Amino acid sequence: MSMNLNELEAIARAATPGPWQHLPYGGQNQNGDYSGGSIFDADGDYLLSEVSDAAGAHIATFDPPTVVALINGQPVPLFQG
């Protein structure tokens, strides 16, 4: 699949507005894997659950406002997670 920046920007603008936040559950499950967490929007509404800590941090970091800013060459604050 190939996308151009205009398509990526349109997808970001159509998504639930950010910023998004990843809240890890903490601890490990019975298999010894980290249990992950959930993604919430700026209003605290639930967006996604059962994501690994790494995937959750990635998804929350690249929320729609961040993607649009990067596409447009604007400065973006560094993730402090």
Protein backbone atom coordinates (compact mmCIF):
# COMPACT_ATOMS: atom_id res chain seq x y z
CA MET A 1 0.00 0.00 0.00
CA SER A 2 1.36 3.39 -0.97
CA MET A 3 0.06 6.73 0.34
CA ASN A 4 1.07 10.29 -0.29
CA LEU A 5 1.23 13.01 2.35
CA ASN A 6 -2.17 14.42 1.35
CA GLU A 7 -3.78 11.02 1.97
CA LEU A 8 -2.00 10.66 5.31
CA GLU A 9 -3.13 14.12 6.37
CA ALA A 10 -6.73 13.36 5.37
CA ILE A 11 -6.66 10.15 7.44
CA ALA A 12 -5.23 12.01 10.46
CA ARG A 13 -7.82 14.78 10.21
CA ALA A 14 -10.68 12.24 9.97
CA ALA A 15 -9.57 10.40 13.13
CA THR A 16 -10.70 11.17 16.68
CA PRO A 17 -8.98 14.43 17.64
CA GLY A 18 -5.99 14.25 19.94
CA PRO A 19 -4.02 14.45 21.98
CA TRP A 20 -4.29 10.78 22.82
CA GLN A 21 -2.98 9.16 25.96
CA HIS A 22 -1.79 5.60 26.63
CA LEU A 23 -2.52 4.31 30.11
CA PRO A 24 -0.73 1.01 30.75
CA TYR A 25 -2.35 -1.56 33.02
CA GLY A 26 0.96 -2.33 34.67
CA GLY A 27 2.31 -5.70 35.68
CA GLN A 28 2.49 -8.92 33.73
CA ASN A 29 -0.11 -11.46 32.67
CA GLN A 30 -0.03 -15.19 33.40
CA ASN A 31 2.27 -15.78 30.40
CA GLY A 32 4.85 -13.32 31.70
CA ASP A 33 4.00 -10.81 28.99
CA TYR A 34 3.33 -7.19 29.86
CA SER A 35 -0.40 -6.71 29.84
CA GLY A 36 -0.49 -3.48 27.83
CA GLY A 37 -3.10 -0.82 28.31
CA SER A 38 -5.73 1.38 26.74
CA ILE A 39 -5.75 4.51 24.56
CA PHE A 40 -7.91 7.52 25.51
CA ASP A 41 -8.66 10.77 23.68
CA ALA A 42 -8.26 14.30 25.03
CA ASP A 43 -11.66 14.11 26.77
CA GLY A 44 -10.76 10.85 28.51
CA ASP A 45 -13.03 8.82 26.25
CA TYR A 46 -11.92 5.26 25.57
CA LEU A 47 -10.57 4.62 22.05
CA LEU A 48 -8.73 1.28 22.11
CA SER A 49 -7.86 -1.46 24.57
CA GLU A 50 -5.47 -4.36 24.94
CA VAL A 51 -2.47 -2.80 23.23
CA SER A 52 1.07 -3.58 24.30
CA ASP A 53 2.98 -0.88 26.14
CA ALA A 54 5.22 -0.25 23.11
CA ALA A 55 2.33 -0.12 20.63
CA GLY A 56 0.27 2.03 22.99
CA ALA A 57 3.06 4.55 23.40
CA HIS A 58 3.55 4.65 19.62
CA ILE A 59 -0.16 5.10 18.86
CA ALA A 60 -0.59 7.83 21.48
CA THR A 61 2.55 9.64 20.35
CA PHE A 62 1.45 9.73 16.71
CA ASP A 63 -2.02 11.15 17.37
CA PRO A 64 -3.73 13.21 14.64
CA PRO A 65 -2.38 16.66 15.65
CA THR A 66 1.17 15.31 15.76
CA VAL A 67 0.87 13.67 12.34
CA VAL A 68 -0.57 16.83 10.76
CA ALA A 69 2.19 18.95 12.33
CA LEU A 70 4.91 16.60 11.05
CA ILE A 71 3.42 16.55 7.54
CA ASN A 72 3.33 20.35 7.51
CA GLY A 73 6.89 20.71 8.83
CA GLN A 74 5.82 22.26 12.13
CA PRO A 75 7.70 21.66 15.39
CA VAL A 76 6.31 18.92 17.59
CA PRO A 77 7.02 18.57 21.33
CA LEU A 78 9.06 15.48 22.15
CA PHE A 79 7.25 12.56 23.77
CA GLN A 80 7.97 12.50 27.48
CA GLY A 81 6.60 9.07 28.33
